[in-house]
Amino acid sequence: MPSINRLHEEWAPQGVTILLVDIREDRATVARAVAERGYVAPVVLDATGAVTDAYGVHATPTSFLVGRDGTILARAIGPRPWTGPDGRRLFRALLDEPR
């Protein structure tokens, strides 16, 4: 997913964290996939699925937009054009929110 790398590279300098969560796989499998796919965003492991279950994730990809205060603002299930004009407007609007 080259779009994940573009998101990370574009928005990280502006304070947006793109975090990839792997579900129920071992570290070696995930490390191999990250290397093969060239991911540059941080990847964390949910080896037991506890976090996935807590957030009600039943399909991948599932994306959460979380505000500065930790509140979940939105959830999207399935791929989205995050690097397109609408995605950029959304991120810009979230960044422009008062702190």
PDB file of N, CA and C in Angstrom:
ATOM      1  N   MET A   1       0.837  -1.180   0.000  1.00  0.00           N
ATOM      2  CA  MET A   1       0.000   0.000   0.000  1.00  0.00           C
ATOM      3  C   MET A   1       0.882   1.243   0.000  1.00  0.00           C
ATOM      4  N   PRO A   2       1.299   1.663  -1.164  1.00  0.00           N
ATOM      5  CA  PRO A   2       2.133   2.869  -1.242  1.00  0.00           C
ATOM      6  C   PRO A   2       1.446   4.098  -0.660  1.00  0.00           C
ATOM      7  N   SER A   3       0.106   4.108  -0.668  1.00  0.00           N
ATOM      8  CA  SER A   3      -0.592   5.277  -0.132  1.00  0.00           C
ATOM      9  C   SER A   3      -0.333   5.450   1.358  1.00  0.00           C
ATOM     10  N   ILE A   4      -0.114   4.361   2.087  1.00  0.00           N
ATOM     11  CA  ILE A   4       0.200   4.456   3.516  1.00  0.00           C
ATOM     12  C   ILE A   4       1.525   5.181   3.699  1.00  0.00           C
ATOM     13  N   ASN A   5       2.515   4.839   2.882  1.00  0.00           N
ATOM     14  CA  ASN A   5       3.804   5.519   2.974  1.00  0.00           C
ATOM     15  C   ASN A   5       3.663   7.000   2.642  1.00  0.00           C
ATOM     16  N   ARG A   6       2.877   7.310   1.615  1.00  0.00           N
ATOM     17  CA  ARG A   6       2.670   8.730   1.258  1.00  0.00           C
ATOM     18  C   ARG A   6       1.994   9.481   2.397  1.00  0.00           C
ATOM     19  N   LEU A   7       0.979   8.861   3.010  1.00  0.00           N
ATOM     20  CA  LEU A   7       0.309   9.500   4.157  1.00  0.00           C
ATOM     21  C   LEU A   7       1.305   9.807   5.264  1.00  0.00           C
ATOM     22  N   HIS A   8       2.085   8.814   5.618  1.00  0.00           N
ATOM     23  CA  HIS A   8       3.057   8.980   6.694  1.00  0.00           C
ATOM     24  C   HIS A   8       4.059  10.086   6.352  1.00  0.00           C
ATOM     25  N   GLU A   9       4.612  10.035   5.163  1.00  0.00           N
ATOM     26  CA  GLU A   9       5.637  11.008   4.772  1.00  0.00           C
ATOM     27  C   GLU A   9       5.072  12.419   4.678  1.00  0.00           C
ATOM     28  N   GLU A  10       3.830  12.554   4.232  1.00  0.00           N
ATOM     29  CA  GLU A  10       3.226  13.873   4.071  1.00  0.00           C
ATOM     30  C   GLU A  10       2.769  14.477   5.396  1.00  0.00           C
ATOM     31  N   TRP A  11       2.169  13.676   6.259  1.00  0.00           N
ATOM     32  CA  TRP A  11       1.510  14.235   7.438  1.00  0.00           C
ATOM     33  C   TRP A  11       2.308  14.144   8.734  1.00  0.00           C
ATOM     34  N   ALA A  12       3.265  13.232   8.830  1.00  0.00           N
ATOM     35  CA  ALA A  12       4.053  13.117  10.069  1.00  0.00           C
ATOM     36  C   ALA A  12       4.739  14.433  10.459  1.00  0.00           C
ATOM     37  N   PRO A  13       5.333  15.170   9.514  1.00  0.00           N
ATOM     38  CA  PRO A  13       5.968  16.429   9.907  1.00  0.00           C
ATOM     39  C   PRO A  13       4.973  17.467  10.458  1.00  0.00           C
ATOM     40  N   GLN A  14       3.689  17.248  10.193  1.00  0.00           N
ATOM     41  CA  GLN A  14       2.670  18.188  10.664  1.00  0.00           C
ATOM     42  C   GLN A  14       1.965  17.693  11.924  1.00  0.00           C
ATOM     43  N   GLY A  15       2.476  16.609  12.496  1.00  0.00           N
ATOM     44  CA  GLY A  15       1.934  16.127  13.759  1.00  0.00           C
ATOM     45  C   GLY A  15       0.901  15.030  13.658  1.00  0.00           C
ATOM     46  N   VAL A  16       0.701  14.466  12.477  1.00  0.00           N
ATOM     47  CA  VAL A  16      -0.262  13.377  12.310  1.00  0.00           C
ATOM     48  C   VAL A  16       0.489  12.048  12.397  1.00  0.00           C
ATOM     49  N   THR A  17      -0.023  11.147  13.212  1.00  0.00           N
ATOM     50  CA  THR A  17       0.589   9.830  13.336  1.00  0.00           C
ATOM     51  C   THR A  17      -0.209   8.815  12.542  1.00  0.00           C
ATOM     52  N   ILE A  18       0.461   8.144  11.642  1.00  0.00           N
ATOM     53  CA  ILE A  18      -0.111   7.028  10.908  1.00  0.00           C
ATOM     54  C   ILE A  18       0.468   5.786  11.575  1.00  0.00           C
ATOM     55  N   LEU A  19      -0.382   4.970  12.148  1.00  0.00           N
ATOM     56  CA  LEU A  19       0.059   3.801  12.886  1.00  0.00           C
ATOM     57  C   LEU A  19      -0.597   2.562  12.288  1.00  0.00           C
ATOM     58  N   LEU A  20       0.204   1.606  11.888  1.00  0.00           N
ATOM     59  CA  LEU A  20      -0.305   0.366  11.322  1.00  0.00           C
ATOM     60  C   LEU A  20      -0.362  -0.683  12.429  1.00  0.00           C
ATOM     61  N   VAL A  21      -1.469  -1.390  12.519  1.00  0.00           N
ATOM     62  CA  VAL A  21      -1.635  -2.414  13.549  1.00  0.00           C
ATOM     63  C   VAL A  21      -1.820  -3.762  12.865  1.00  0.00           C
ATOM     64  N   ASP A  22      -0.940  -4.685  13.179  1.00  0.00           N
ATOM     65  CA  ASP A  22      -1.067  -6.024  12.648  1.00  0.00           C
ATOM     66  C   ASP A  22      -1.855  -6.873  13.644  1.00  0.00           C
ATOM     67  N   ILE A  23      -2.721  -7.712  13.122  1.00  0.00           N
ATOM     68  CA  ILE A  23      -3.635  -8.486  13.965  1.00  0.00           C
ATOM     69  C   ILE A  23      -3.256  -9.963  13.964  1.00  0.00           C
ATOM     70  N   ARG A  24      -2.944 -10.466  15.155  1.00  0.00           N
ATOM     71  CA  ARG A  24      -2.791 -11.907  15.415  1.00  0.00           C
ATOM     72  C   ARG A  24      -1.752 -12.610  14.534  1.00  0.00           C
ATOM     73  N   GLU A  25      -0.644 -11.953  14.266  1.00  0.00           N
ATOM     74  CA  GLU A  25       0.445 -12.612  13.557  1.00  0.00           C
ATOM     75  C   GLU A  25       1.708 -12.499  14.398  1.00  0.00           C
ATOM     76  N   ASP A  26       2.642 -13.390  14.144  1.00  0.00           N
ATOM     77  CA  ASP A  26       3.883 -13.356  14.924  1.00  0.00           C
ATOM     78  C   ASP A  26       4.833 -12.296  14.362  1.00  0.00           C
ATOM     79  N   ARG A  27       5.775 -11.907  15.204  1.00  0.00           N
ATOM     80  CA  ARG A  27       6.717 -10.828  14.875  1.00  0.00           C
ATOM     81  C   ARG A  27       7.487 -11.096  13.582  1.00  0.00           C
ATOM     82  N   ALA A  28       7.950 -12.317  13.364  1.00  0.00           N
ATOM     83  CA  ALA A  28       8.742 -12.631  12.170  1.00  0.00           C
ATOM     84  C   ALA A  28       7.918 -12.455  10.892  1.00  0.00           C
ATOM     85  N   THR A  29       6.679 -12.910  10.919  1.00  0.00           N
ATOM     86  CA  THR A  29       5.795 -12.771   9.756  1.00  0.00           C
ATOM     87  C   THR A  29       5.563 -11.300   9.444  1.00  0.00           C
ATOM     88  N   VAL A  30       5.318 -10.524  10.486  1.00  0.00           N
ATOM     89  CA  VAL A  30       5.057  -9.094  10.302  1.00  0.00           C
ATOM     90  C   VAL A  30       6.320  -8.386   9.794  1.00  0.00           C
ATOM     91  N   ALA A  31       7.464  -8.698  10.363  1.00  0.00           N
ATOM     92  CA  ALA A  31       8.721  -8.074   9.933  1.00  0.00           C
ATOM     93  C   ALA A  31       8.982  -8.355   8.456  1.00  0.00           C
ATOM     94  N   ARG A  32       8.721  -9.574   8.038  1.00  0.00           N
ATOM     95  CA  ARG A  32       8.909  -9.935   6.630  1.00  0.00           C
ATOM     96  C   ARG A  32       7.965  -9.146   5.732  1.00  0.00           C
ATOM     97  N   ALA A  33       6.692  -9.040   6.120  1.00  0.00           N
ATOM     98  CA  ALA A  33       5.711  -8.296   5.317  1.00  0.00           C
ATOM     99  C   ALA A  33       6.062  -6.820   5.241  1.00  0.00           C
ATOM    100  N   VAL A  34       6.484  -6.244   6.363  1.00  0.00           N
ATOM    101  CA  VAL A  34       6.867  -4.828   6.387  1.00  0.00           C
ATOM    102  C   VAL A  34       8.034  -4.589   5.429  1.00  0.00           C
ATOM    103  N   ALA A  35       9.028  -5.473   5.469  1.00  0.00           N
ATOM    104  CA  ALA A  35      10.193  -5.328   4.584  1.00  0.00           C
ATOM    105  C   ALA A  35       9.800  -5.500   3.117  1.00  0.00           C
ATOM    106  N   GLU A  36       8.995  -6.513   2.825  1.00  0.00           N
ATOM    107  CA  GLU A  36       8.584  -6.769   1.442  1.00  0.00           C
ATOM    108  C   GLU A  36       7.747  -5.632   0.873  1.00  0.00           C
ATOM    109  N   ARG A  37       6.886  -5.065   1.706  1.00  0.00           N
ATOM    110  CA  ARG A  37       5.978  -4.010   1.239  1.00  0.00           C
ATOM    111  C   ARG A  37       6.574  -2.614   1.376  1.00  0.00           C
ATOM    112  N   GLY A  38       7.682  -2.507   2.085  1.00  0.00           N
ATOM    113  CA  GLY A  38       8.377  -1.228   2.202  1.00  0.00           C
ATOM    114  C   GLY A  38       7.664  -0.201   3.065  1.00  0.00           C
ATOM    115  N   TYR A  39       6.912  -0.653   4.065  1.00  0.00           N
ATOM    116  CA  TYR A  39       6.219   0.293   4.943  1.00  0.00           C
ATOM    117  C   TYR A  39       7.222   1.152   5.702  1.00  0.00           C
ATOM    118  N   VAL A  40       6.931   2.432   5.813  1.00  0.00           N
ATOM    119  CA  VAL A  40       7.790   3.332   6.578  1.00  0.00           C
ATOM    120  C   VAL A  40       7.089   3.848   7.832  1.00  0.00           C
ATOM    121  N   ALA A  41       5.779   3.732   7.909  1.00  0.00           N
ATOM    122  CA  ALA A  41       5.035   4.129   9.109  1.00  0.00           C
ATOM    123  C   ALA A  41       5.272   3.088  10.195  1.00  0.00           C
ATOM    124  N   PRO A  42       5.156   3.486  11.467  1.00  0.00           N
ATOM    125  CA  PRO A  42       5.343   2.521  12.543  1.00  0.00           C
ATOM    126  C   PRO A  42       4.292   1.405  12.489  1.00  0.00           C
ATOM    127  N   VAL A  43       4.733   0.201  12.840  1.00  0.00           N
ATOM    128  CA  VAL A  43       3.856  -0.966  12.869  1.00  0.00           C
ATOM    129  C   VAL A  43       3.886  -1.544  14.280  1.00  0.00           C
ATOM    130  N   VAL A  44       2.713  -1.790  14.837  1.00  0.00           N
ATOM    131  CA  VAL A  44       2.616  -2.428  16.149  1.00  0.00           C
ATOM    132  C   VAL A  44       1.872  -3.744  16.000  1.00  0.00           C
ATOM    133  N   LEU A  45       2.125  -4.644  16.936  1.00  0.00           N
ATOM    134  CA  LEU A  45       1.519  -5.968  16.874  1.00  0.00           C
ATOM    135  C   LEU A  45       0.412  -6.101  17.915  1.00  0.00           C
ATOM    136  N   ASP A  46      -0.726  -6.574  17.485  1.00  0.00           N
ATOM    137  CA  ASP A  46      -1.805  -6.964  18.388  1.00  0.00           C
ATOM    138  C   ASP A  46      -1.861  -8.490  18.312  1.00  0.00           C
ATOM    139  N   ALA A  47      -0.882  -9.118  18.935  1.00  0.00           N
ATOM    140  CA  ALA A  47      -0.687 -10.560  18.800  1.00  0.00           C
ATOM    141  C   ALA A  47      -1.873 -11.382  19.292  1.00  0.00           C
ATOM    142  N   THR A  48      -2.540 -10.921  20.338  1.00  0.00           N
ATOM    143  CA  THR A  48      -3.660 -11.691  20.888  1.00  0.00           C
ATOM    144  C   THR A  48      -5.007 -11.266  20.311  1.00  0.00           C
ATOM    145  N   GLY A  49      -5.051 -10.122  19.664  1.00  0.00           N
ATOM    146  CA  GLY A  49      -6.316  -9.596  19.147  1.00  0.00           C
ATOM    147  C   GLY A  49      -7.114  -8.821  20.177  1.00  0.00           C
ATOM    148  N   ALA A  50      -6.558  -8.600  21.354  1.00  0.00           N
ATOM    149  CA  ALA A  50      -7.288  -7.904  22.420  1.00  0.00           C
ATOM    150  C   ALA A  50      -7.643  -6.474  22.034  1.00  0.00           C
ATOM    151  N   VAL A  51      -6.705  -5.767  21.418  1.00  0.00           N
ATOM    152  CA  VAL A  51      -6.969  -4.381  21.028  1.00  0.00           C
ATOM    153  C   VAL A  51      -7.982  -4.348  19.895  1.00  0.00           C
ATOM    154  N   THR A  52      -7.799  -5.231  18.938  1.00  0.00           N
ATOM    155  CA  THR A  52      -8.731  -5.334  17.815  1.00  0.00           C
ATOM    156  C   THR A  52     -10.148  -5.579  18.310  1.00  0.00           C
ATOM    157  N   ASP A  53     -10.291  -6.516  19.233  1.00  0.00           N
ATOM    158  CA  ASP A  53     -11.609  -6.819  19.795  1.00  0.00           C
ATOM    159  C   ASP A  53     -12.177  -5.624  20.545  1.00  0.00           C
ATOM    160  N   ALA A  54     -11.340  -4.941  21.315  1.00  0.00           N
ATOM    161  CA  ALA A  54     -11.803  -3.793  22.102  1.00  0.00           C
ATOM    162  C   ALA A  54     -12.333  -2.673  21.211  1.00  0.00           C
ATOM    163  N   TYR A  55     -11.741  -2.514  20.037  1.00  0.00           N
ATOM    164  CA  TYR A  55     -12.166  -1.455  19.121  1.00  0.00           C
ATOM    165  C   TYR A  55     -13.185  -1.937  18.092  1.00  0.00           C
ATOM    166  N   GLY A  56     -13.594  -3.174  18.173  1.00  0.00           N
ATOM    167  CA  GLY A  56     -14.619  -3.688  17.267  1.00  0.00           C
ATOM    168  C   GLY A  56     -14.163  -3.799  15.829  1.00  0.00           C
ATOM    169  N   VAL A  57     -12.915  -4.149  15.612  1.00  0.00           N
ATOM    170  CA  VAL A  57     -12.405  -4.304  14.253  1.00  0.00           C
ATOM    171  C   VAL A  57     -12.726  -5.717  13.776  1.00  0.00           C
ATOM    172  N   HIS A  58     -13.486  -5.800  12.677  1.00  0.00           N
ATOM    173  CA  HIS A  58     -13.893  -7.093  12.134  1.00  0.00           C
ATOM    174  C   HIS A  58     -13.435  -7.288  10.695  1.00  0.00           C
ATOM    175  N   ALA A  59     -12.834  -6.245  10.107  1.00  0.00           N
ATOM    176  CA  ALA A  59     -12.352  -6.315   8.733  1.00  0.00           C
ATOM    177  C   ALA A  59     -11.141  -5.406   8.602  1.00  0.00           C
ATOM    178  N   THR A  60     -10.308  -5.722   7.637  1.00  0.00           N
ATOM    179  CA  THR A  60      -9.158  -4.867   7.370  1.00  0.00           C
ATOM    180  C   THR A  60      -9.192  -4.405   5.926  1.00  0.00           C
ATOM    181  N   PRO A  61      -8.725  -3.214   5.673  1.00  0.00           N
ATOM    182  CA  PRO A  61      -8.261  -2.275   6.687  1.00  0.00           C
ATOM    183  C   PRO A  61      -9.425  -1.569   7.383  1.00  0.00           C
ATOM    184  N   THR A  62      -9.228  -1.253   8.630  1.00  0.00           N
ATOM    185  CA  THR A  62     -10.123  -0.382   9.381  1.00  0.00           C
ATOM    186  C   THR A  62      -9.290   0.799   9.844  1.00  0.00           C
ATOM    187  N   SER A  63      -9.757   1.991   9.574  1.00  0.00           N
ATOM    188  CA  SER A  63      -9.019   3.203   9.933  1.00  0.00           C
ATOM    189  C   SER A  63      -9.802   3.983  10.976  1.00  0.00           C
ATOM    190  N   PHE A  64      -9.077   4.489  11.950  1.00  0.00           N
ATOM    191  CA  PHE A  64      -9.663   5.361  12.968  1.00  0.00           C
ATOM    192  C   PHE A  64      -9.005   6.721  12.863  1.00  0.00           C
ATOM    193  N   LEU A  65      -9.804   7.767  12.903  1.00  0.00           N
ATOM    194  CA  LEU A  65      -9.275   9.128  12.994  1.00  0.00           C
ATOM    195  C   LEU A  65      -9.481   9.562  14.432  1.00  0.00           C
ATOM    196  N   VAL A  66      -8.392   9.877  15.099  1.00  0.00           N
ATOM    197  CA  VAL A  66      -8.417  10.200  16.513  1.00  0.00           C
ATOM    198  C   VAL A  66      -7.979  11.642  16.702  1.00  0.00           C
ATOM    199  N   GLY A  67      -8.766  12.395  17.437  1.00  0.00           N
ATOM    200  CA  GLY A  67      -8.449  13.798  17.685  1.00  0.00           C
ATOM    201  C   GLY A  67      -7.304  13.956  18.664  1.00  0.00           C
ATOM    202  N   ARG A  68      -6.843  15.181  18.791  1.00  0.00           N
ATOM    203  CA  ARG A  68      -5.722  15.478  19.689  1.00  0.00           C
ATOM    204  C   ARG A  68      -6.005  15.079  21.131  1.00  0.00           C
ATOM    205  N   ASP A  69      -7.282  15.097  21.496  1.00  0.00           N
ATOM    206  CA  ASP A  69      -7.641  14.766  22.883  1.00  0.00           C
ATOM    207  C   ASP A  69      -7.857  13.263  23.088  1.00  0.00           C
ATOM    208  N   GLY A  70      -7.621  12.464  22.041  1.00  0.00           N
ATOM    209  CA  GLY A  70      -7.771  11.019  22.151  1.00  0.00           C
ATOM    210  C   GLY A  70      -9.148  10.502  21.799  1.00  0.00           C
ATOM    211  N   THR A  71     -10.066  11.390  21.452  1.00  0.00           N
ATOM    212  CA  THR A  71     -11.418  11.004  21.078  1.00  0.00           C
ATOM    213  C   THR A  71     -11.437  10.449  19.653  1.00  0.00           C
ATOM    214  N   ILE A  72     -12.119   9.317  19.470  1.00  0.00           N
ATOM    215  CA  ILE A  72     -12.281   8.775  18.118  1.00  0.00           C
ATOM    216  C   ILE A  72     -13.290   9.652  17.386  1.00  0.00           C
ATOM    217  N   LEU A  73     -12.836  10.253  16.289  1.00  0.00           N
ATOM    218  CA  LEU A  73     -13.681  11.154  15.513  1.00  0.00           C
ATOM    219  C   LEU A  73     -14.428  10.422  14.404  1.00  0.00           C
ATOM    220  N   ALA A  74     -13.811   9.381  13.870  1.00  0.00           N
ATOM    221  CA  ALA A  74     -14.434   8.650  12.765  1.00  0.00           C
ATOM    222  C   ALA A  74     -13.778   7.292  12.617  1.00  0.00           C
ATOM    223  N   ARG A  75     -14.514   6.384  11.997  1.00  0.00           N
ATOM    224  CA  ARG A  75     -13.990   5.055  11.682  1.00  0.00           C
ATOM    225  C   ARG A  75     -14.403   4.739  10.253  1.00  0.00           C
ATOM    226  N   ALA A  76     -13.466   4.208   9.489  1.00  0.00           N
ATOM    227  CA  ALA A  76     -13.738   3.821   8.104  1.00  0.00           C
ATOM    228  C   ALA A  76     -13.309   2.374   7.912  1.00  0.00           C
ATOM    229  N   ILE A  77     -14.197   1.581   7.341  1.00  0.00           N
ATOM    230  CA  ILE A  77     -13.892   0.181   7.072  1.00  0.00           C
ATOM    231  C   ILE A  77     -13.672   0.034   5.574  1.00  0.00           C
ATOM    232  N   GLY A  78     -12.557  -0.561   5.214  1.00  0.00           N
ATOM    233  CA  GLY A  78     -12.203  -0.736   3.810  1.00  0.00           C
ATOM    234  C   GLY A  78     -11.254   0.353   3.342  1.00  0.00           C
ATOM    235  N   PRO A  79     -10.694   0.169   2.164  1.00  0.00           N
ATOM    236  CA  PRO A  79      -9.746   1.145   1.632  1.00  0.00           C
ATOM    237  C   PRO A  79     -10.419   2.493   1.379  1.00  0.00           C
ATOM    238  N   ARG A  80      -9.668   3.536   1.565  1.00  0.00           N
ATOM    239  CA  ARG A  80     -10.149   4.896   1.293  1.00  0.00           C
ATOM    240  C   ARG A  80      -9.076   5.663   0.540  1.00  0.00           C
ATOM    241  N   PRO A  81      -9.471   6.636  -0.258  1.00  0.00           N
ATOM    242  CA  PRO A  81      -8.479   7.441  -0.993  1.00  0.00           C
ATOM    243  C   PRO A  81      -7.910   8.549  -0.097  1.00  0.00           C
ATOM    244  N   TRP A  82      -7.196   8.166   0.972  1.00  0.00           N
ATOM    245  CA  TRP A  82      -6.702   9.142   1.943  1.00  0.00           C
ATOM    246  C   TRP A  82      -5.753  10.160   1.328  1.00  0.00           C
ATOM    247  N   THR A  83      -5.079   9.796   0.246  1.00  0.00           N
ATOM    248  CA  THR A  83      -4.111  10.720  -0.350  1.00  0.00           C
ATOM    249  C   THR A  83      -4.734  11.587  -1.443  1.00  0.00           C
ATOM    250  N   GLY A  84      -6.024  11.397  -1.703  1.00  0.00           N
ATOM    251  CA  GLY A  84      -6.709  12.205  -2.702  1.00  0.00           C
ATOM    252  C   GLY A  84      -7.154  13.535  -2.124  1.00  0.00           C
ATOM    253  N   PRO A  85      -7.796  14.362  -2.922  1.00  0.00           N
ATOM    254  CA  PRO A  85      -8.218  15.700  -2.481  1.00  0.00           C
ATOM    255  C   PRO A  85      -9.122  15.678  -1.246  1.00  0.00           C
ATOM    256  N   ASP A  86     -10.079  14.746  -1.190  1.00  0.00           N
ATOM    257  CA  ASP A  86     -10.978  14.696  -0.034  1.00  0.00           C
ATOM    258  C   ASP A  86     -10.227  14.296   1.234  1.00  0.00           C
ATOM    259  N   GLY A  87      -9.339  13.329   1.119  1.00  0.00           N
ATOM    260  CA  GLY A  87      -8.544  12.917   2.269  1.00  0.00           C
ATOM    261  C   GLY A  87      -7.664  14.049   2.772  1.00  0.00           C
ATOM    262  N   ARG A  88      -7.051  14.772   1.865  1.00  0.00           N
ATOM    263  CA  ARG A  88      -6.200  15.915   2.256  1.00  0.00           C
ATOM    264  C   ARG A  88      -7.033  17.000   2.955  1.00  0.00           C
ATOM    265  N   ARG A  89      -8.220  17.260   2.430  1.00  0.00           N
ATOM    266  CA  ARG A  89      -9.092  18.262   3.072  1.00  0.00           C
ATOM    267  C   ARG A  89      -9.472  17.825   4.484  1.00  0.00           C
ATOM    268  N   LEU A  90      -9.751  16.552   4.633  1.00  0.00           N
ATOM    269  CA  LEU A  90     -10.111  16.036   5.953  1.00  0.00           C
ATOM    270  C   LEU A  90      -8.959  16.199   6.938  1.00  0.00           C
ATOM    271  N   PHE A  91      -7.763  15.785   6.555  1.00  0.00           N
ATOM    272  CA  PHE A  91      -6.616  15.934   7.445  1.00  0.00           C
ATOM    273  C   PHE A  91      -6.342  17.406   7.752  1.00  0.00           C
ATOM    274  N   ARG A  92      -6.446  18.251   6.748  1.00  0.00           N
ATOM    275  CA  ARG A  92      -6.208  19.685   6.959  1.00  0.00           C
ATOM    276  C   ARG A  92      -7.233  20.237   7.954  1.00  0.00           C
ATOM    277  N   ALA A  93      -8.499  19.858   7.805  1.00  0.00           N
ATOM    278  CA  ALA A  93      -9.538  20.336   8.729  1.00  0.00           C
ATOM    279  C   ALA A  93      -9.255  19.869  10.148  1.00  0.00           C
ATOM    280  N   LEU A  94      -8.823  18.628  10.306  1.00  0.00           N
ATOM    281  CA  LEU A  94      -8.505  18.122  11.640  1.00  0.00           C
ATOM    282  C   LEU A  94      -7.307  18.858  12.239  1.00  0.00           C
ATOM    283  N   LEU A  95      -6.320  19.151  11.408  1.00  0.00           N
ATOM    284  CA  LEU A  95      -5.145  19.868  11.908  1.00  0.00           C
ATOM    285  C   LEU A  95      -5.467  21.317  12.271  1.00  0.00           C
ATOM    286  N   ASP A  96      -6.431  21.887  11.577  1.00  0.00           N
ATOM    287  CA  ASP A  96      -6.784  23.287  11.819  1.00  0.00           C
ATOM    288  C   ASP A  96      -7.705  23.469  13.005  1.00  0.00           C
ATOM    289  N   GLU A  97      -8.181  22.361  13.609  1.00  0.00           N
ATOM    290  CA  GLU A  97      -9.036  22.477  14.790  1.00  0.00           C
ATOM    291  C   GLU A  97      -8.290  23.179  15.909  1.00  0.00           C
ATOM    292  N   PRO A  98      -8.985  23.973  16.698  1.00  0.00           N
ATOM    293  CA  PRO A  98      -8.313  24.575  17.845  1.00  0.00           C
ATOM    294  C   PRO A  98      -7.836  23.505  18.801  1.00  0.00           C
ATOM    295  N   ARG A  99      -6.725  23.776  19.448  1.00  0.00           N
ATOM    296  CA  ARG A  99      -6.186  22.806  20.415  1.00  0.00           C
ATOM    297  C   ARG A  99      -6.924  22.879  21.713  1.00  0.00           C
TER     298      ARG A  99
END
